[in-house]
Amino acid sequence: VNESEIFRFLTKPVNSDVLHKAVKD
């Protein structure tokens, strides 16, 4: 968060719907 200024931090295994929504957002 601090150095990379990421948009989302997701933990695996990630649900495909969650990943799809993160990319869409």
PDBML (XML) file of the C-alpha atoms, coordinates in Angstrom:
<?xml version="1.0" encoding="UTF-8" ?>
<PDBx:datablock datablockName="MODEL"
   xmlns:PDBx="http://pdbml.pdb.org/schema/pdbx-v50.xsd"
   xmlns:xsi="http://www.w3.org/2001/XMLSchema-instance"
   xsi:schemaLocation="http://pdbml.pdb.org/schema/pdbx-v50.xsd pdbx-v50.xsd">
   <PDBx:atom_siteCategory>
      <PDBx:atom_site id="1">
         <PDBx:B_iso_or_equiv>0.00</PDBx:B_iso_or_equiv>
         <PDBx:Cartn_x>0.000</PDBx:Cartn_x>
         <PDBx:Cartn_y>0.000</PDBx:Cartn_y>
         <PDBx:Cartn_z>0.000</PDBx:Cartn_z>
         <PDBx:auth_asym_id>A</PDBx:auth_asym_id>
         <PDBx:auth_atom_id>CA</PDBx:auth_atom_id>
         <PDBx:auth_comp_id>VAL</PDBx:auth_comp_id>
         <PDBx:auth_seq_id>1</PDBx:auth_seq_id>
         <PDBx:group_PDB>ATOM</PDBx:group_PDB>
         <PDBx:label_alt_id xsi:nil="true" />
         <PDBx:label_asym_id>A</PDBx:label_asym_id>
         <PDBx:label_atom_id>CA</PDBx:label_atom_id>
         <PDBx:label_comp_id>VAL</PDBx:label_comp_id>
         <PDBx:label_entity_id>1</PDBx:label_entity_id>
         <PDBx:label_seq_id>1</PDBx:label_seq_id>
         <PDBx:occupancy>1.00</PDBx:occupancy>
         <PDBx:pdbx_PDB_model_num>1</PDBx:pdbx_PDB_model_num>
         <PDBx:type_symbol>C</PDBx:type_symbol>
      </PDBx:atom_site>
      <PDBx:atom_site id="2">
         <PDBx:B_iso_or_equiv>0.00</PDBx:B_iso_or_equiv>
         <PDBx:Cartn_x>2.645</PDBx:Cartn_x>
         <PDBx:Cartn_y>2.525</PDBx:Cartn_y>
         <PDBx:Cartn_z>1.036</PDBx:Cartn_z>
         <PDBx:auth_asym_id>A</PDBx:auth_asym_id>
         <PDBx:auth_atom_id>CA</PDBx:auth_atom_id>
         <PDBx:auth_comp_id>ASN</PDBx:auth_comp_id>
         <PDBx:auth_seq_id>2</PDBx:auth_seq_id>
         <PDBx:group_PDB>ATOM</PDBx:group_PDB>
         <PDBx:label_alt_id xsi:nil="true" />
         <PDBx:label_asym_id>A</PDBx:label_asym_id>
         <PDBx:label_atom_id>CA</PDBx:label_atom_id>
         <PDBx:label_comp_id>ASN</PDBx:label_comp_id>
         <PDBx:label_entity_id>1</PDBx:label_entity_id>
         <PDBx:label_seq_id>2</PDBx:label_seq_id>
         <PDBx:occupancy>1.00</PDBx:occupancy>
         <PDBx:pdbx_PDB_model_num>1</PDBx:pdbx_PDB_model_num>
         <PDBx:type_symbol>C</PDBx:type_symbol>
      </PDBx:atom_site>
      <PDBx:atom_site id="3">
         <PDBx:B_iso_or_equiv>0.00</PDBx:B_iso_or_equiv>
         <PDBx:Cartn_x>5.370</PDBx:Cartn_x>
         <PDBx:Cartn_y>1.929</PDBx:Cartn_y>
         <PDBx:Cartn_z>-1.534</PDBx:Cartn_z>
         <PDBx:auth_asym_id>A</PDBx:auth_asym_id>
         <PDBx:auth_atom_id>CA</PDBx:auth_atom_id>
         <PDBx:auth_comp_id>GLU</PDBx:auth_comp_id>
         <PDBx:auth_seq_id>3</PDBx:auth_seq_id>
         <PDBx:group_PDB>ATOM</PDBx:group_PDB>
         <PDBx:label_alt_id xsi:nil="true" />
         <PDBx:label_asym_id>A</PDBx:label_asym_id>
         <PDBx:label_atom_id>CA</PDBx:label_atom_id>
         <PDBx:label_comp_id>GLU</PDBx:label_comp_id>
         <PDBx:label_entity_id>1</PDBx:label_entity_id>
         <PDBx:label_seq_id>3</PDBx:label_seq_id>
         <PDBx:occupancy>1.00</PDBx:occupancy>
         <PDBx:pdbx_PDB_model_num>1</PDBx:pdbx_PDB_model_num>
         <PDBx:type_symbol>C</PDBx:type_symbol>
      </PDBx:atom_site>
      <PDBx:atom_site id="4">
         <PDBx:B_iso_or_equiv>0.00</PDBx:B_iso_or_equiv>
         <PDBx:Cartn_x>3.485</PDBx:Cartn_x>
         <PDBx:Cartn_y>0.503</PDBx:Cartn_y>
         <PDBx:Cartn_z>-4.501</PDBx:Cartn_z>
         <PDBx:auth_asym_id>A</PDBx:auth_asym_id>
         <PDBx:auth_atom_id>CA</PDBx:auth_atom_id>
         <PDBx:auth_comp_id>SER</PDBx:auth_comp_id>
         <PDBx:auth_seq_id>4</PDBx:auth_seq_id>
         <PDBx:group_PDB>ATOM</PDBx:group_PDB>
         <PDBx:label_alt_id xsi:nil="true" />
         <PDBx:label_asym_id>A</PDBx:label_asym_id>
         <PDBx:label_atom_id>CA</PDBx:label_atom_id>
         <PDBx:label_comp_id>SER</PDBx:label_comp_id>
         <PDBx:label_entity_id>1</PDBx:label_entity_id>
         <PDBx:label_seq_id>4</PDBx:label_seq_id>
         <PDBx:occupancy>1.00</PDBx:occupancy>
         <PDBx:pdbx_PDB_model_num>1</PDBx:pdbx_PDB_model_num>
         <PDBx:type_symbol>C</PDBx:type_symbol>
      </PDBx:atom_site>
      <PDBx:atom_site id="5">
         <PDBx:B_iso_or_equiv>0.00</PDBx:B_iso_or_equiv>
         <PDBx:Cartn_x>0.275</PDBx:Cartn_x>
         <PDBx:Cartn_y>2.490</PDBx:Cartn_y>
         <PDBx:Cartn_z>-4.022</PDBx:Cartn_z>
         <PDBx:auth_asym_id>A</PDBx:auth_asym_id>
         <PDBx:auth_atom_id>CA</PDBx:auth_atom_id>
         <PDBx:auth_comp_id>GLU</PDBx:auth_comp_id>
         <PDBx:auth_seq_id>5</PDBx:auth_seq_id>
         <PDBx:group_PDB>ATOM</PDBx:group_PDB>
         <PDBx:label_alt_id xsi:nil="true" />
         <PDBx:label_asym_id>A</PDBx:label_asym_id>
         <PDBx:label_atom_id>CA</PDBx:label_atom_id>
         <PDBx:label_comp_id>GLU</PDBx:label_comp_id>
         <PDBx:label_entity_id>1</PDBx:label_entity_id>
         <PDBx:label_seq_id>5</PDBx:label_seq_id>
         <PDBx:occupancy>1.00</PDBx:occupancy>
         <PDBx:pdbx_PDB_model_num>1</PDBx:pdbx_PDB_model_num>
         <PDBx:type_symbol>C</PDBx:type_symbol>
      </PDBx:atom_site>
      <PDBx:atom_site id="6">
         <PDBx:B_iso_or_equiv>0.00</PDBx:B_iso_or_equiv>
         <PDBx:Cartn_x>-1.731</PDBx:Cartn_x>
         <PDBx:Cartn_y>-0.540</PDBx:Cartn_y>
         <PDBx:Cartn_z>-5.041</PDBx:Cartn_z>
         <PDBx:auth_asym_id>A</PDBx:auth_asym_id>
         <PDBx:auth_atom_id>CA</PDBx:auth_atom_id>
         <PDBx:auth_comp_id>ILE</PDBx:auth_comp_id>
         <PDBx:auth_seq_id>6</PDBx:auth_seq_id>
         <PDBx:group_PDB>ATOM</PDBx:group_PDB>
         <PDBx:label_alt_id xsi:nil="true" />
         <PDBx:label_asym_id>A</PDBx:label_asym_id>
         <PDBx:label_atom_id>CA</PDBx:label_atom_id>
         <PDBx:label_comp_id>ILE</PDBx:label_comp_id>
         <PDBx:label_entity_id>1</PDBx:label_entity_id>
         <PDBx:label_seq_id>6</PDBx:label_seq_id>
         <PDBx:occupancy>1.00</PDBx:occupancy>
         <PDBx:pdbx_PDB_model_num>1</PDBx:pdbx_PDB_model_num>
         <PDBx:type_symbol>C</PDBx:type_symbol>
      </PDBx:atom_site>
      <PDBx:atom_site id="7">
         <PDBx:B_iso_or_equiv>0.00</PDBx:B_iso_or_equiv>
         <PDBx:Cartn_x>-5.388</PDBx:Cartn_x>
         <PDBx:Cartn_y>-0.358</PDBx:Cartn_y>
         <PDBx:Cartn_z>-5.951</PDBx:Cartn_z>
         <PDBx:auth_asym_id>A</PDBx:auth_asym_id>
         <PDBx:auth_atom_id>CA</PDBx:auth_atom_id>
         <PDBx:auth_comp_id>PHE</PDBx:auth_comp_id>
         <PDBx:auth_seq_id>7</PDBx:auth_seq_id>
         <PDBx:group_PDB>ATOM</PDBx:group_PDB>
         <PDBx:label_alt_id xsi:nil="true" />
         <PDBx:label_asym_id>A</PDBx:label_asym_id>
         <PDBx:label_atom_id>CA</PDBx:label_atom_id>
         <PDBx:label_comp_id>PHE</PDBx:label_comp_id>
         <PDBx:label_entity_id>1</PDBx:label_entity_id>
         <PDBx:label_seq_id>7</PDBx:label_seq_id>
         <PDBx:occupancy>1.00</PDBx:occupancy>
         <PDBx:pdbx_PDB_model_num>1</PDBx:pdbx_PDB_model_num>
         <PDBx:type_symbol>C</PDBx:type_symbol>
      </PDBx:atom_site>
      <PDBx:atom_site id="8">
         <PDBx:B_iso_or_equiv>0.00</PDBx:B_iso_or_equiv>
         <PDBx:Cartn_x>-6.335</PDBx:Cartn_x>
         <PDBx:Cartn_y>-3.719</PDBx:Cartn_y>
         <PDBx:Cartn_z>-4.386</PDBx:Cartn_z>
         <PDBx:auth_asym_id>A</PDBx:auth_asym_id>
         <PDBx:auth_atom_id>CA</PDBx:auth_atom_id>
         <PDBx:auth_comp_id>ARG</PDBx:auth_comp_id>
         <PDBx:auth_seq_id>8</PDBx:auth_seq_id>
         <PDBx:group_PDB>ATOM</PDBx:group_PDB>
         <PDBx:label_alt_id xsi:nil="true" />
         <PDBx:label_asym_id>A</PDBx:label_asym_id>
         <PDBx:label_atom_id>CA</PDBx:label_atom_id>
         <PDBx:label_comp_id>ARG</PDBx:label_comp_id>
         <PDBx:label_entity_id>1</PDBx:label_entity_id>
         <PDBx:label_seq_id>8</PDBx:label_seq_id>
         <PDBx:occupancy>1.00</PDBx:occupancy>
         <PDBx:pdbx_PDB_model_num>1</PDBx:pdbx_PDB_model_num>
         <PDBx:type_symbol>C</PDBx:type_symbol>
      </PDBx:atom_site>
      <PDBx:atom_site id="9">
         <PDBx:B_iso_or_equiv>0.00</PDBx:B_iso_or_equiv>
         <PDBx:Cartn_x>-4.603</PDBx:Cartn_x>
         <PDBx:Cartn_y>-6.254</PDBx:Cartn_y>
         <PDBx:Cartn_z>-2.116</PDBx:Cartn_z>
         <PDBx:auth_asym_id>A</PDBx:auth_asym_id>
         <PDBx:auth_atom_id>CA</PDBx:auth_atom_id>
         <PDBx:auth_comp_id>PHE</PDBx:auth_comp_id>
         <PDBx:auth_seq_id>9</PDBx:auth_seq_id>
         <PDBx:group_PDB>ATOM</PDBx:group_PDB>
         <PDBx:label_alt_id xsi:nil="true" />
         <PDBx:label_asym_id>A</PDBx:label_asym_id>
         <PDBx:label_atom_id>CA</PDBx:label_atom_id>
         <PDBx:label_comp_id>PHE</PDBx:label_comp_id>
         <PDBx:label_entity_id>1</PDBx:label_entity_id>
         <PDBx:label_seq_id>9</PDBx:label_seq_id>
         <PDBx:occupancy>1.00</PDBx:occupancy>
         <PDBx:pdbx_PDB_model_num>1</PDBx:pdbx_PDB_model_num>
         <PDBx:type_symbol>C</PDBx:type_symbol>
      </PDBx:atom_site>
      <PDBx:atom_site id="10">
         <PDBx:B_iso_or_equiv>0.00</PDBx:B_iso_or_equiv>
         <PDBx:Cartn_x>-6.131</PDBx:Cartn_x>
         <PDBx:Cartn_y>-9.698</PDBx:Cartn_y>
         <PDBx:Cartn_z>-2.681</PDBx:Cartn_z>
         <PDBx:auth_asym_id>A</PDBx:auth_asym_id>
         <PDBx:auth_atom_id>CA</PDBx:auth_atom_id>
         <PDBx:auth_comp_id>LEU</PDBx:auth_comp_id>
         <PDBx:auth_seq_id>10</PDBx:auth_seq_id>
         <PDBx:group_PDB>ATOM</PDBx:group_PDB>
         <PDBx:label_alt_id xsi:nil="true" />
         <PDBx:label_asym_id>A</PDBx:label_asym_id>
         <PDBx:label_atom_id>CA</PDBx:label_atom_id>
         <PDBx:label_comp_id>LEU</PDBx:label_comp_id>
         <PDBx:label_entity_id>1</PDBx:label_entity_id>
         <PDBx:label_seq_id>10</PDBx:label_seq_id>
         <PDBx:occupancy>1.00</PDBx:occupancy>
         <PDBx:pdbx_PDB_model_num>1</PDBx:pdbx_PDB_model_num>
         <PDBx:type_symbol>C</PDBx:type_symbol>
      </PDBx:atom_site>
      <PDBx:atom_site id="11">
         <PDBx:B_iso_or_equiv>0.00</PDBx:B_iso_or_equiv>
         <PDBx:Cartn_x>-5.374</PDBx:Cartn_x>
         <PDBx:Cartn_y>-12.959</PDBx:Cartn_y>
         <PDBx:Cartn_z>-0.883</PDBx:Cartn_z>
         <PDBx:auth_asym_id>A</PDBx:auth_asym_id>
         <PDBx:auth_atom_id>CA</PDBx:auth_atom_id>
         <PDBx:auth_comp_id>THR</PDBx:auth_comp_id>
         <PDBx:auth_seq_id>11</PDBx:auth_seq_id>
         <PDBx:group_PDB>ATOM</PDBx:group_PDB>
         <PDBx:label_alt_id xsi:nil="true" />
         <PDBx:label_asym_id>A</PDBx:label_asym_id>
         <PDBx:label_atom_id>CA</PDBx:label_atom_id>
         <PDBx:label_comp_id>THR</PDBx:label_comp_id>
         <PDBx:label_entity_id>1</PDBx:label_entity_id>
         <PDBx:label_seq_id>11</PDBx:label_seq_id>
         <PDBx:occupancy>1.00</PDBx:occupancy>
         <PDBx:pdbx_PDB_model_num>1</PDBx:pdbx_PDB_model_num>
         <PDBx:type_symbol>C</PDBx:type_symbol>
      </PDBx:atom_site>
      <PDBx:atom_site id="12">
         <PDBx:B_iso_or_equiv>0.00</PDBx:B_iso_or_equiv>
         <PDBx:Cartn_x>-5.168</PDBx:Cartn_x>
         <PDBx:Cartn_y>-16.348</PDBx:Cartn_y>
         <PDBx:Cartn_z>-2.568</PDBx:Cartn_z>
         <PDBx:auth_asym_id>A</PDBx:auth_asym_id>
         <PDBx:auth_atom_id>CA</PDBx:auth_atom_id>
         <PDBx:auth_comp_id>LYS</PDBx:auth_comp_id>
         <PDBx:auth_seq_id>12</PDBx:auth_seq_id>
         <PDBx:group_PDB>ATOM</PDBx:group_PDB>
         <PDBx:label_alt_id xsi:nil="true" />
         <PDBx:label_asym_id>A</PDBx:label_asym_id>
         <PDBx:label_atom_id>CA</PDBx:label_atom_id>
         <PDBx:label_comp_id>LYS</PDBx:label_comp_id>
         <PDBx:label_entity_id>1</PDBx:label_entity_id>
         <PDBx:label_seq_id>12</PDBx:label_seq_id>
         <PDBx:occupancy>1.00</PDBx:occupancy>
         <PDBx:pdbx_PDB_model_num>1</PDBx:pdbx_PDB_model_num>
         <PDBx:type_symbol>C</PDBx:type_symbol>
      </PDBx:atom_site>
      <PDBx:atom_site id="13">
         <PDBx:B_iso_or_equiv>0.00</PDBx:B_iso_or_equiv>
         <PDBx:Cartn_x>-7.052</PDBx:Cartn_x>
         <PDBx:Cartn_y>-18.351</PDBx:Cartn_y>
         <PDBx:Cartn_z>-3.320</PDBx:Cartn_z>
         <PDBx:auth_asym_id>A</PDBx:auth_asym_id>
         <PDBx:auth_atom_id>CA</PDBx:auth_atom_id>
         <PDBx:auth_comp_id>PRO</PDBx:auth_comp_id>
         <PDBx:auth_seq_id>13</PDBx:auth_seq_id>
         <PDBx:group_PDB>ATOM</PDBx:group_PDB>
         <PDBx:label_alt_id xsi:nil="true" />
         <PDBx:label_asym_id>A</PDBx:label_asym_id>
         <PDBx:label_atom_id>CA</PDBx:label_atom_id>
         <PDBx:label_comp_id>PRO</PDBx:label_comp_id>
         <PDBx:label_entity_id>1</PDBx:label_entity_id>
         <PDBx:label_seq_id>13</PDBx:label_seq_id>
         <PDBx:occupancy>1.00</PDBx:occupancy>
         <PDBx:pdbx_PDB_model_num>1</PDBx:pdbx_PDB_model_num>
         <PDBx:type_symbol>C</PDBx:type_symbol>
      </PDBx:atom_site>
      <PDBx:atom_site id="14">
         <PDBx:B_iso_or_equiv>0.00</PDBx:B_iso_or_equiv>
         <PDBx:Cartn_x>-9.014</PDBx:Cartn_x>
         <PDBx:Cartn_y>-15.521</PDBx:Cartn_y>
         <PDBx:Cartn_z>-4.864</PDBx:Cartn_z>
         <PDBx:auth_asym_id>A</PDBx:auth_asym_id>
         <PDBx:auth_atom_id>CA</PDBx:auth_atom_id>
         <PDBx:auth_comp_id>VAL</PDBx:auth_comp_id>
         <PDBx:auth_seq_id>14</PDBx:auth_seq_id>
         <PDBx:group_PDB>ATOM</PDBx:group_PDB>
         <PDBx:label_alt_id xsi:nil="true" />
         <PDBx:label_asym_id>A</PDBx:label_asym_id>
         <PDBx:label_atom_id>CA</PDBx:label_atom_id>
         <PDBx:label_comp_id>VAL</PDBx:label_comp_id>
         <PDBx:label_entity_id>1</PDBx:label_entity_id>
         <PDBx:label_seq_id>14</PDBx:label_seq_id>
         <PDBx:occupancy>1.00</PDBx:occupancy>
         <PDBx:pdbx_PDB_model_num>1</PDBx:pdbx_PDB_model_num>
         <PDBx:type_symbol>C</PDBx:type_symbol>
      </PDBx:atom_site>
      <PDBx:atom_site id="15">
         <PDBx:B_iso_or_equiv>0.00</PDBx:B_iso_or_equiv>
         <PDBx:Cartn_x>-12.544</PDBx:Cartn_x>
         <PDBx:Cartn_y>-16.064</PDBx:Cartn_y>
         <PDBx:Cartn_z>-6.066</PDBx:Cartn_z>
         <PDBx:auth_asym_id>A</PDBx:auth_asym_id>
         <PDBx:auth_atom_id>CA</PDBx:auth_atom_id>
         <PDBx:auth_comp_id>ASN</PDBx:auth_comp_id>
         <PDBx:auth_seq_id>15</PDBx:auth_seq_id>
         <PDBx:group_PDB>ATOM</PDBx:group_PDB>
         <PDBx:label_alt_id xsi:nil="true" />
         <PDBx:label_asym_id>A</PDBx:label_asym_id>
         <PDBx:label_atom_id>CA</PDBx:label_atom_id>
         <PDBx:label_comp_id>ASN</PDBx:label_comp_id>
         <PDBx:label_entity_id>1</PDBx:label_entity_id>
         <PDBx:label_seq_id>15</PDBx:label_seq_id>
         <PDBx:occupancy>1.00</PDBx:occupancy>
         <PDBx:pdbx_PDB_model_num>1</PDBx:pdbx_PDB_model_num>
         <PDBx:type_symbol>C</PDBx:type_symbol>
      </PDBx:atom_site>
      <PDBx:atom_site id="16">
         <PDBx:B_iso_or_equiv>0.00</PDBx:B_iso_or_equiv>
         <PDBx:Cartn_x>-12.813</PDBx:Cartn_x>
         <PDBx:Cartn_y>-15.347</PDBx:Cartn_y>
         <PDBx:Cartn_z>-9.795</PDBx:Cartn_z>
         <PDBx:auth_asym_id>A</PDBx:auth_asym_id>
         <PDBx:auth_atom_id>CA</PDBx:auth_atom_id>
         <PDBx:auth_comp_id>SER</PDBx:auth_comp_id>
         <PDBx:auth_seq_id>16</PDBx:auth_seq_id>
         <PDBx:group_PDB>ATOM</PDBx:group_PDB>
         <PDBx:label_alt_id xsi:nil="true" />
         <PDBx:label_asym_id>A</PDBx:label_asym_id>
         <PDBx:label_atom_id>CA</PDBx:label_atom_id>
         <PDBx:label_comp_id>SER</PDBx:label_comp_id>
         <PDBx:label_entity_id>1</PDBx:label_entity_id>
         <PDBx:label_seq_id>16</PDBx:label_seq_id>
         <PDBx:occupancy>1.00</PDBx:occupancy>
         <PDBx:pdbx_PDB_model_num>1</PDBx:pdbx_PDB_model_num>
         <PDBx:type_symbol>C</PDBx:type_symbol>
      </PDBx:atom_site>
      <PDBx:atom_site id="17">
         <PDBx:B_iso_or_equiv>0.00</PDBx:B_iso_or_equiv>
         <PDBx:Cartn_x>-15.751</PDBx:Cartn_x>
         <PDBx:Cartn_y>-13.009</PDBx:Cartn_y>
         <PDBx:Cartn_z>-9.180</PDBx:Cartn_z>
         <PDBx:auth_asym_id>A</PDBx:auth_asym_id>
         <PDBx:auth_atom_id>CA</PDBx:auth_atom_id>
         <PDBx:auth_comp_id>ASP</PDBx:auth_comp_id>
         <PDBx:auth_seq_id>17</PDBx:auth_seq_id>
         <PDBx:group_PDB>ATOM</PDBx:group_PDB>
         <PDBx:label_alt_id xsi:nil="true" />
         <PDBx:label_asym_id>A</PDBx:label_asym_id>
         <PDBx:label_atom_id>CA</PDBx:label_atom_id>
         <PDBx:label_comp_id>ASP</PDBx:label_comp_id>
         <PDBx:label_entity_id>1</PDBx:label_entity_id>
         <PDBx:label_seq_id>17</PDBx:label_seq_id>
         <PDBx:occupancy>1.00</PDBx:occupancy>
         <PDBx:pdbx_PDB_model_num>1</PDBx:pdbx_PDB_model_num>
         <PDBx:type_symbol>C</PDBx:type_symbol>
      </PDBx:atom_site>
      <PDBx:atom_site id="18">
         <PDBx:B_iso_or_equiv>0.00</PDBx:B_iso_or_equiv>
         <PDBx:Cartn_x>-13.683</PDBx:Cartn_x>
         <PDBx:Cartn_y>-11.006</PDBx:Cartn_y>
         <PDBx:Cartn_z>-6.690</PDBx:Cartn_z>
         <PDBx:auth_asym_id>A</PDBx:auth_asym_id>
         <PDBx:auth_atom_id>CA</PDBx:auth_atom_id>
         <PDBx:auth_comp_id>VAL</PDBx:auth_comp_id>
         <PDBx:auth_seq_id>18</PDBx:auth_seq_id>
         <PDBx:group_PDB>ATOM</PDBx:group_PDB>
         <PDBx:label_alt_id xsi:nil="true" />
         <PDBx:label_asym_id>A</PDBx:label_asym_id>
         <PDBx:label_atom_id>CA</PDBx:label_atom_id>
         <PDBx:label_comp_id>VAL</PDBx:label_comp_id>
         <PDBx:label_entity_id>1</PDBx:label_entity_id>
         <PDBx:label_seq_id>18</PDBx:label_seq_id>
         <PDBx:occupancy>1.00</PDBx:occupancy>
         <PDBx:pdbx_PDB_model_num>1</PDBx:pdbx_PDB_model_num>
         <PDBx:type_symbol>C</PDBx:type_symbol>
      </PDBx:atom_site>
      <PDBx:atom_site id="19">
         <PDBx:B_iso_or_equiv>0.00</PDBx:B_iso_or_equiv>
         <PDBx:Cartn_x>-10.772</PDBx:Cartn_x>
         <PDBx:Cartn_y>-10.782</PDBx:Cartn_y>
         <PDBx:Cartn_z>-9.140</PDBx:Cartn_z>
         <PDBx:auth_asym_id>A</PDBx:auth_asym_id>
         <PDBx:auth_atom_id>CA</PDBx:auth_atom_id>
         <PDBx:auth_comp_id>LEU</PDBx:auth_comp_id>
         <PDBx:auth_seq_id>19</PDBx:auth_seq_id>
         <PDBx:group_PDB>ATOM</PDBx:group_PDB>
         <PDBx:label_alt_id xsi:nil="true" />
         <PDBx:label_asym_id>A</PDBx:label_asym_id>
         <PDBx:label_atom_id>CA</PDBx:label_atom_id>
         <PDBx:label_comp_id>LEU</PDBx:label_comp_id>
         <PDBx:label_entity_id>1</PDBx:label_entity_id>
         <PDBx:label_seq_id>19</PDBx:label_seq_id>
         <PDBx:occupancy>1.00</PDBx:occupancy>
         <PDBx:pdbx_PDB_model_num>1</PDBx:pdbx_PDB_model_num>
         <PDBx:type_symbol>C</PDBx:type_symbol>
      </PDBx:atom_site>
      <PDBx:atom_site id="20">
         <PDBx:B_iso_or_equiv>0.00</PDBx:B_iso_or_equiv>
         <PDBx:Cartn_x>-13.096</PDBx:Cartn_x>
         <PDBx:Cartn_y>-9.811</PDBx:Cartn_y>
         <PDBx:Cartn_z>-11.991</PDBx:Cartn_z>
         <PDBx:auth_asym_id>A</PDBx:auth_asym_id>
         <PDBx:auth_atom_id>CA</PDBx:auth_atom_id>
         <PDBx:auth_comp_id>HIS</PDBx:auth_comp_id>
         <PDBx:auth_seq_id>20</PDBx:auth_seq_id>
         <PDBx:group_PDB>ATOM</PDBx:group_PDB>
         <PDBx:label_alt_id xsi:nil="true" />
         <PDBx:label_asym_id>A</PDBx:label_asym_id>
         <PDBx:label_atom_id>CA</PDBx:label_atom_id>
         <PDBx:label_comp_id>HIS</PDBx:label_comp_id>
         <PDBx:label_entity_id>1</PDBx:label_entity_id>
         <PDBx:label_seq_id>20</PDBx:label_seq_id>
         <PDBx:occupancy>1.00</PDBx:occupancy>
         <PDBx:pdbx_PDB_model_num>1</PDBx:pdbx_PDB_model_num>
         <PDBx:type_symbol>C</PDBx:type_symbol>
      </PDBx:atom_site>
      <PDBx:atom_site id="21">
         <PDBx:B_iso_or_equiv>0.00</PDBx:B_iso_or_equiv>
         <PDBx:Cartn_x>-14.674</PDBx:Cartn_x>
         <PDBx:Cartn_y>-7.051</PDBx:Cartn_y>
         <PDBx:Cartn_z>-9.858</PDBx:Cartn_z>
         <PDBx:auth_asym_id>A</PDBx:auth_asym_id>
         <PDBx:auth_atom_id>CA</PDBx:auth_atom_id>
         <PDBx:auth_comp_id>LYS</PDBx:auth_comp_id>
         <PDBx:auth_seq_id>21</PDBx:auth_seq_id>
         <PDBx:group_PDB>ATOM</PDBx:group_PDB>
         <PDBx:label_alt_id xsi:nil="true" />
         <PDBx:label_asym_id>A</PDBx:label_asym_id>
         <PDBx:label_atom_id>CA</PDBx:label_atom_id>
         <PDBx:label_comp_id>LYS</PDBx:label_comp_id>
         <PDBx:label_entity_id>1</PDBx:label_entity_id>
         <PDBx:label_seq_id>21</PDBx:label_seq_id>
         <PDBx:occupancy>1.00</PDBx:occupancy>
         <PDBx:pdbx_PDB_model_num>1</PDBx:pdbx_PDB_model_num>
         <PDBx:type_symbol>C</PDBx:type_symbol>
      </PDBx:atom_site>
      <PDBx:atom_site id="22">
         <PDBx:B_iso_or_equiv>0.00</PDBx:B_iso_or_equiv>
         <PDBx:Cartn_x>-11.230</PDBx:Cartn_x>
         <PDBx:Cartn_y>-5.763</PDBx:Cartn_y>
         <PDBx:Cartn_z>-8.800</PDBx:Cartn_z>
         <PDBx:auth_asym_id>A</PDBx:auth_asym_id>
         <PDBx:auth_atom_id>CA</PDBx:auth_atom_id>
         <PDBx:auth_comp_id>ALA</PDBx:auth_comp_id>
         <PDBx:auth_seq_id>22</PDBx:auth_seq_id>
         <PDBx:group_PDB>ATOM</PDBx:group_PDB>
         <PDBx:label_alt_id xsi:nil="true" />
         <PDBx:label_asym_id>A</PDBx:label_asym_id>
         <PDBx:label_atom_id>CA</PDBx:label_atom_id>
         <PDBx:label_comp_id>ALA</PDBx:label_comp_id>
         <PDBx:label_entity_id>1</PDBx:label_entity_id>
         <PDBx:label_seq_id>22</PDBx:label_seq_id>
         <PDBx:occupancy>1.00</PDBx:occupancy>
         <PDBx:pdbx_PDB_model_num>1</PDBx:pdbx_PDB_model_num>
         <PDBx:type_symbol>C</PDBx:type_symbol>
      </PDBx:atom_site>
      <PDBx:atom_site id="23">
         <PDBx:B_iso_or_equiv>0.00</PDBx:B_iso_or_equiv>
         <PDBx:Cartn_x>-10.150</PDBx:Cartn_x>
         <PDBx:Cartn_y>-5.472</PDBx:Cartn_y>
         <PDBx:Cartn_z>-12.453</PDBx:Cartn_z>
         <PDBx:auth_asym_id>A</PDBx:auth_asym_id>
         <PDBx:auth_atom_id>CA</PDBx:auth_atom_id>
         <PDBx:auth_comp_id>VAL</PDBx:auth_comp_id>
         <PDBx:auth_seq_id>23</PDBx:auth_seq_id>
         <PDBx:group_PDB>ATOM</PDBx:group_PDB>
         <PDBx:label_alt_id xsi:nil="true" />
         <PDBx:label_asym_id>A</PDBx:label_asym_id>
         <PDBx:label_atom_id>CA</PDBx:label_atom_id>
         <PDBx:label_comp_id>VAL</PDBx:label_comp_id>
         <PDBx:label_entity_id>1</PDBx:label_entity_id>
         <PDBx:label_seq_id>23</PDBx:label_seq_id>
         <PDBx:occupancy>1.00</PDBx:occupancy>
         <PDBx:pdbx_PDB_model_num>1</PDBx:pdbx_PDB_model_num>
         <PDBx:type_symbol>C</PDBx:type_symbol>
      </PDBx:atom_site>
      <PDBx:atom_site id="24">
         <PDBx:B_iso_or_equiv>0.00</PDBx:B_iso_or_equiv>
         <PDBx:Cartn_x>-13.465</PDBx:Cartn_x>
         <PDBx:Cartn_y>-3.896</PDBx:Cartn_y>
         <PDBx:Cartn_z>-13.441</PDBx:Cartn_z>
         <PDBx:auth_asym_id>A</PDBx:auth_asym_id>
         <PDBx:auth_atom_id>CA</PDBx:auth_atom_id>
         <PDBx:auth_comp_id>LYS</PDBx:auth_comp_id>
         <PDBx:auth_seq_id>24</PDBx:auth_seq_id>
         <PDBx:group_PDB>ATOM</PDBx:group_PDB>
         <PDBx:label_alt_id xsi:nil="true" />
         <PDBx:label_asym_id>A</PDBx:label_asym_id>
         <PDBx:label_atom_id>CA</PDBx:label_atom_id>
         <PDBx:label_comp_id>LYS</PDBx:label_comp_id>
         <PDBx:label_entity_id>1</PDBx:label_entity_id>
         <PDBx:label_seq_id>24</PDBx:label_seq_id>
         <PDBx:occupancy>1.00</PDBx:occupancy>
         <PDBx:pdbx_PDB_model_num>1</PDBx:pdbx_PDB_model_num>
         <PDBx:type_symbol>C</PDBx:type_symbol>
      </PDBx:atom_site>
      <PDBx:atom_site id="25">
         <PDBx:B_iso_or_equiv>0.00</PDBx:B_iso_or_equiv>
         <PDBx:Cartn_x>-13.158</PDBx:Cartn_x>
         <PDBx:Cartn_y>-1.357</PDBx:Cartn_y>
         <PDBx:Cartn_z>-10.599</PDBx:Cartn_z>
         <PDBx:auth_asym_id>A</PDBx:auth_asym_id>
         <PDBx:auth_atom_id>CA</PDBx:auth_atom_id>
         <PDBx:auth_comp_id>ASP</PDBx:auth_comp_id>
         <PDBx:auth_seq_id>25</PDBx:auth_seq_id>
         <PDBx:group_PDB>ATOM</PDBx:group_PDB>
         <PDBx:label_alt_id xsi:nil="true" />
         <PDBx:label_asym_id>A</PDBx:label_asym_id>
         <PDBx:label_atom_id>CA</PDBx:label_atom_id>
         <PDBx:label_comp_id>ASP</PDBx:label_comp_id>
         <PDBx:label_entity_id>1</PDBx:label_entity_id>
         <PDBx:label_seq_id>25</PDBx:label_seq_id>
         <PDBx:occupancy>1.00</PDBx:occupancy>
         <PDBx:pdbx_PDB_model_num>1</PDBx:pdbx_PDB_model_num>
         <PDBx:type_symbol>C</PDBx:type_symbol>
      </PDBx:atom_site>
   </PDBx:atom_siteCategory>
</PDBx:datablock>
